[in-house]
């Protein structure tokens, strides 16, 4: 099915995403954090918009995803949902709002769904957060899992390098993926793991597997929109393909504006009342 046919679908749902996996149609996913950007991405025909806790980095300038709060995530999610007509909107539950306490996990998920109008939540981890995942799902909230490099655990890992290269970690990741499917997750993100392992995981579960730095043999791909558009230039991992250089375009536009103001070329007669 082409992107134009896909765009005739009124609203992407978990059921439609499942059908896409079954017929071998790749799923496209990008992050968004505000109304204007979400509207552009949605109108272009994206399948899933992730309101990622990466907002902590690209919107707020933090070094990690850890500082962003539940209230801030809901603010970003609400802004995105207002713009979206077709895409399926998933929101990260931020660090400290679901780990180790399934009651808090449920409260966090319900707040996100009620206050933002989003369609699903995403959590990082496998067996260690099983209880929280089950509790959220029991309330009817769709959950997307996230395995591999889990940025909320960066201080545990101590590095952003590729995960699951060793056999024991690869085995646990595959088991965690199956566990998340058994719990009832509708999809899983795999971040920065060997392509061969990602292919194995995608084949082992019936739910869609979305990759970021996980090779081509998964059911879809996700990137951070600021990285993909070249708004941020500092972050250039191997898995990132930059589709535009908006930083250069925007810098030139601002410089041209400044020059026109200084040279008294803006506003001109036609731009005045």
Protein backbone atom coordinates (compact mmCIF):
# COMPACT_ATOMS: atom_id res chain seq x y z
CA UNK A 1 0.00 0.00 0.00
CA UNK A 2 1.46 3.38 -0.99
CA UNK A 3 1.77 6.37 1.32
CA UNK A 4 -1.06 8.07 -0.60
CA UNK A 5 -3.37 5.12 -0.01
CA UNK A 6 -2.29 5.02 3.64
CA UNK A 7 -3.13 8.71 4.05
CA UNK A 8 -6.78 7.96 3.20
CA UNK A 9 -7.04 6.05 6.50
CA UNK A 10 -8.86 8.24 8.95
CA UNK A 11 -6.78 7.36 12.00
CA UNK A 12 -3.92 4.90 12.53
CA UNK A 13 -4.70 2.40 15.31
CA UNK A 14 -2.89 -0.50 16.99
CA UNK A 15 -4.97 -2.82 14.78
CA UNK A 16 -3.79 -1.07 11.60
CA UNK A 17 -0.16 -1.24 12.80
CA UNK A 18 -0.57 -4.98 13.39
CA UNK A 19 -2.00 -5.40 9.88
CA UNK A 20 0.96 -3.46 8.44
CA UNK A 21 3.37 -5.94 10.03
CA UNK A 22 1.36 -8.91 8.76
CA UNK A 23 1.42 -7.70 5.15
CA UNK A 24 5.04 -6.55 5.31
CA UNK A 25 4.40 -2.80 5.03
CA UNK A 26 7.10 -0.89 6.92
CA UNK A 27 5.96 1.47 9.68
CA UNK A 28 7.30 5.04 9.74
CA UNK A 29 7.75 6.82 13.07
CA UNK A 30 9.23 10.19 14.08
CA UNK A 31 9.31 12.22 17.27
CA UNK A 32 7.50 15.53 17.73
CA UNK A 33 7.13 17.79 20.74
CA UNK A 34 5.07 20.79 19.59
CA UNK A 35 1.97 21.71 17.60
CA UNK A 36 3.66 23.14 14.48
CA UNK A 37 6.14 20.30 13.92
CA UNK A 38 3.53 17.62 14.65
CA UNK A 39 1.16 19.14 12.10
CA UNK A 40 3.81 19.05 9.36
CA UNK A 41 4.85 15.46 10.12
CA UNK A 42 1.26 14.24 10.36
CA UNK A 43 0.22 15.89 7.07
CA UNK A 44 3.23 14.28 5.35
CA UNK A 45 1.78 10.86 6.16
CA UNK A 46 3.78 9.53 9.13
CA UNK A 47 2.28 6.44 10.81
CA UNK A 48 3.37 7.00 14.43
CA UNK A 49 4.40 10.16 16.25
CA UNK A 50 6.41 9.60 19.41
CA UNK A 51 6.31 12.36 21.99
CA UNK A 52 9.69 11.23 23.25
CA UNK A 53 11.42 12.03 26.50
CA UNK A 54 14.17 13.11 24.07
CA UNK A 55 12.37 16.46 24.50
CA UNK A 56 14.63 16.68 27.56
CA UNK A 57 17.61 16.90 25.17
CA UNK A 58 16.37 18.70 22.05
CA UNK A 59 13.78 21.03 23.60
CA UNK A 60 15.21 21.72 27.06
CA UNK A 61 18.95 21.25 26.50
CA UNK A 62 19.55 18.60 29.17
CA UNK A 63 22.40 16.13 28.73
CA UNK A 64 20.13 13.10 29.37
CA UNK A 65 16.43 12.22 29.26
CA UNK A 66 16.27 11.86 33.04
CA UNK A 67 15.31 15.42 34.15
CA UNK A 68 12.06 15.75 32.18
CA UNK A 69 8.94 15.50 34.37
CA UNK A 70 5.53 13.91 33.86
CA UNK A 71 3.92 17.37 33.76
CA UNK A 72 6.33 18.47 31.03
CA UNK A 73 5.69 15.32 28.99
CA UNK A 74 1.94 15.93 29.23
CA UNK A 75 2.45 19.54 28.08
CA UNK A 76 4.39 18.38 24.99
CA UNK A 77 1.91 15.56 24.30
CA UNK A 78 -1.09 17.89 24.51
CA UNK A 79 0.54 20.25 22.01
CA UNK A 80 1.20 17.38 19.59
CA UNK A 81 -2.25 15.79 19.87
CA UNK A 82 -3.94 19.11 18.98
CA UNK A 83 -2.17 19.04 15.59
CA UNK A 84 -2.59 15.38 14.65
CA UNK A 85 -5.40 14.13 12.42
CA UNK A 86 -4.09 10.74 11.28
CA UNK A 87 -0.98 9.48 13.07
CA UNK A 88 -0.96 7.25 16.14
CA UNK A 89 0.48 9.26 19.05
CA UNK A 90 2.66 7.49 21.63
CA UNK A 91 4.03 9.26 24.72
CA UNK A 92 7.08 8.27 26.78
CA UNK A 93 6.39 7.87 30.47
CA UNK A 94 9.42 9.71 31.90
CA UNK A 95 12.07 8.34 34.23
CA UNK A 96 10.90 7.86 37.80
CA UNK A 97 7.19 7.75 36.90
CA UNK A 98 6.75 3.99 36.51
CA UNK A 99 9.82 2.00 37.60
CA UNK A 100 9.46 -0.02 40.78
CA UNK A 101 5.92 1.04 41.60
CA UNK A 102 3.08 -0.32 39.47
CA UNK A 103 0.50 1.92 41.17
CA UNK A 104 2.51 5.02 40.23
CA UNK A 105 2.99 3.60 36.73
CA UNK A 106 -0.77 3.28 36.33
CA UNK A 107 -1.38 6.80 37.67
CA UNK A 108 1.21 8.22 35.27
CA UNK A 109 -0.24 6.41 32.25
CA UNK A 110 -3.79 7.46 33.08
CA UNK A 111 -2.74 11.10 33.52
CA UNK A 112 -1.02 11.07 30.12
CA UNK A 113 -4.07 9.55 28.40
CA UNK A 114 -6.69 11.73 30.14
CA UNK A 115 -4.86 15.05 30.03
CA UNK A 116 -3.19 14.85 26.61
CA UNK A 117 -5.59 12.73 24.55
CA UNK A 118 -2.68 10.58 23.30
CA UNK A 119 -3.28 7.02 22.08
CA UNK A 120 -0.60 5.00 23.92
CA UNK A 121 2.38 5.19 26.28
CA UNK A 122 5.94 3.86 25.96
CA UNK A 123 8.11 2.42 28.73
CA UNK A 124 11.71 1.20 28.80
CA UNK A 125 12.72 -2.24 30.07
CA UNK A 126 11.68 -5.89 30.16
CA UNK A 127 11.15 -8.34 33.03
CA UNK A 128 12.07 -5.73 35.65
CA UNK A 129 9.04 -3.57 34.75
CA UNK A 130 6.63 -6.44 33.99
CA UNK A 131 4.32 -5.55 36.88
CA UNK A 132 4.05 -1.90 35.79
CA UNK A 133 3.34 -2.90 32.17
CA UNK A 134 0.63 -5.37 33.23
CA UNK A 135 -0.97 -2.80 35.55
CA UNK A 136 -1.10 -0.14 32.81
CA UNK A 137 -2.51 -2.62 30.28
CA UNK A 138 -5.16 -3.78 32.78
CA UNK A 139 -6.59 -0.24 32.63
CA UNK A 140 -6.96 -0.50 28.84
CA UNK A 141 -4.00 1.77 28.03
CA UNK A 142 -1.97 0.52 25.01
CA UNK A 143 1.74 0.08 25.85
CA UNK A 144 4.76 0.18 23.53
CA UNK A 145 7.88 -1.45 24.92
CA UNK A 146 11.50 -0.29 24.48
CA UNK A 147 14.51 -2.61 24.68
CA UNK A 148 18.22 -2.47 23.87
CA UNK A 149 19.79 0.88 24.63
CA UNK A 150 17.33 2.39 27.09
CA UNK A 151 18.40 6.03 27.61
CA UNK A 152 16.65 6.31 30.98
CA UNK A 153 19.17 3.72 32.25
CA UNK A 154 22.20 5.59 30.90
CA UNK A 155 23.91 5.84 34.28
CA UNK A 156 23.55 2.09 34.77
CA UNK A 157 25.09 1.39 31.34
CA UNK A 158 27.61 4.22 31.61
CA UNK A 159 27.76 4.53 27.82
CA UNK A 160 25.59 4.98 24.72
CA UNK A 161 27.35 2.16 22.84
CA UNK A 162 25.57 -0.72 21.08
CA UNK A 163 23.75 -3.07 23.46
CA UNK A 164 23.26 -6.87 23.43
CA UNK A 165 26.48 -7.74 21.62
CA UNK A 166 27.24 -10.39 24.25
CA UNK A 167 25.28 -13.65 24.15
CA UNK A 168 23.77 -13.35 27.66
CA UNK A 169 22.40 -9.85 27.04
CA UNK A 170 21.13 -10.86 23.58
CA UNK A 171 19.33 -13.86 25.11
CA UNK A 172 17.71 -11.65 27.79
CA UNK A 173 16.63 -9.11 25.17
CA UNK A 174 14.89 -11.81 23.11
CA UNK A 175 13.21 -13.17 26.24
CA UNK A 176 12.13 -9.65 27.27
CA UNK A 177 10.62 -9.04 23.82
CA UNK A 178 8.56 -12.23 24.10
CA UNK A 179 7.57 -11.29 27.65
CA UNK A 180 6.38 -7.82 26.57
CA UNK A 181 4.31 -9.43 23.81
CA UNK A 182 2.80 -11.92 26.29
CA UNK A 183 1.96 -9.06 28.67
CA UNK A 184 -0.01 -7.43 25.85
CA UNK A 185 2.26 -4.68 24.45
CA UNK A 186 1.17 -3.69 20.93
CA UNK A 187 4.72 -2.92 19.68
CA UNK A 188 8.37 -2.73 20.75
CA UNK A 189 11.15 -0.24 19.97
CA UNK A 190 14.64 -1.75 19.67
CA UNK A 191 17.42 0.80 20.07
CA UNK A 192 21.05 0.41 19.01
CA UNK A 193 21.42 -3.37 18.90
CA UNK A 194 23.07 -5.64 16.29
CA UNK A 195 21.00 -5.92 13.10
CA UNK A 196 21.12 -9.73 13.22
CA UNK A 197 19.60 -9.80 16.71
CA UNK A 198 16.91 -7.24 15.76
CA UNK A 199 15.92 -9.42 12.77
CA UNK A 200 15.65 -12.42 15.11
CA UNK A 201 13.44 -10.49 17.55
CA UNK A 202 11.14 -9.18 14.80
CA UNK A 203 10.66 -12.75 13.56
CA UNK A 204 10.11 -14.15 17.07
CA UNK A 205 7.19 -11.87 18.00
CA UNK A 206 3.92 -11.19 16.19
CA UNK A 207 3.74 -7.53 17.25
CA UNK A 208 5.46 -4.72 15.27
CA UNK A 209 9.12 -4.08 16.08
CA UNK A 210 10.37 -0.54 15.38
CA UNK A 211 14.12 0.02 15.13
CA UNK A 212 16.47 2.90 15.79
CA UNK A 213 19.98 1.76 15.00
CA UNK A 214 18.67 -1.82 14.73
CA UNK A 215 19.17 -2.50 11.03
CA UNK A 216 16.69 -2.93 8.16
CA UNK A 217 15.02 -6.23 9.08
CA UNK A 218 12.51 -4.90 11.59
CA UNK A 219 8.94 -3.75 10.96
CA UNK A 220 9.59 0.00 10.97
CA UNK A 221 12.01 2.80 11.80
CA UNK A 222 12.04 5.77 14.18
CA UNK A 223 14.31 8.82 14.35
CA UNK A 224 14.37 12.00 16.43
CA UNK A 225 12.97 14.65 14.09
CA UNK A 226 15.50 17.34 15.08
CA UNK A 227 18.35 14.97 14.18
CA UNK A 228 16.76 13.81 10.92
CA UNK A 229 16.06 17.38 9.75
CA UNK A 230 19.54 18.61 10.68
CA UNK A 231 18.27 21.12 13.25
CA UNK A 232 20.68 19.58 15.74
CA UNK A 233 24.14 18.92 14.29
CA UNK A 234 26.10 17.72 17.32
CA UNK A 235 24.56 14.23 17.40
CA UNK A 236 25.63 12.12 14.41
CA UNK A 237 25.54 8.39 15.19
CA UNK A 238 25.95 5.83 12.43
CA UNK A 239 22.22 5.02 12.35
CA UNK A 240 21.18 8.62 11.62
CA UNK A 241 20.39 9.63 8.06
CA UNK A 242 20.09 13.42 7.82
CA UNK A 243 17.37 14.31 5.29
CA UNK A 244 17.84 18.09 5.45
CA UNK A 245 20.20 20.74 6.82
CA UNK A 246 17.68 23.00 8.48
CA UNK A 247 20.28 24.45 10.84
CA UNK A 248 22.07 26.05 7.88
CA UNK A 249 18.78 27.16 6.27
CA UNK A 250 17.49 28.70 9.49
CA UNK A 251 20.81 30.39 10.32
CA UNK A 252 20.91 32.04 6.88
CA UNK A 253 17.28 33.18 7.22
CA UNK A 254 18.01 34.79 10.61
CA UNK A 255 21.21 36.42 9.29
CA UNK A 256 19.31 37.80 6.26
CA UNK A 257 16.59 39.18 8.56
CA UNK A 258 19.16 40.86 10.82
CA UNK A 259 20.89 42.41 7.79
CA UNK A 260 17.61 43.72 6.35
CA UNK A 261 16.67 45.28 9.70
CA UNK A 262 20.11 46.89 10.11
CA UNK A 263 20.10 48.13 6.48
CA UNK A 264 16.55 49.49 6.84
CA UNK A 265 15.33 47.14 4.08
CA UNK A 266 12.68 45.63 6.35
CA UNK A 267 9.89 46.52 6.53
CA UNK A 268 9.47 48.15 3.12
CA UNK A 269 6.52 50.25 1.95
CA UNK A 270 4.51 47.17 0.93
CA UNK A 271 5.01 45.66 4.38
CA UNK A 272 3.80 48.77 6.21
CA UNK A 273 0.26 49.96 6.97
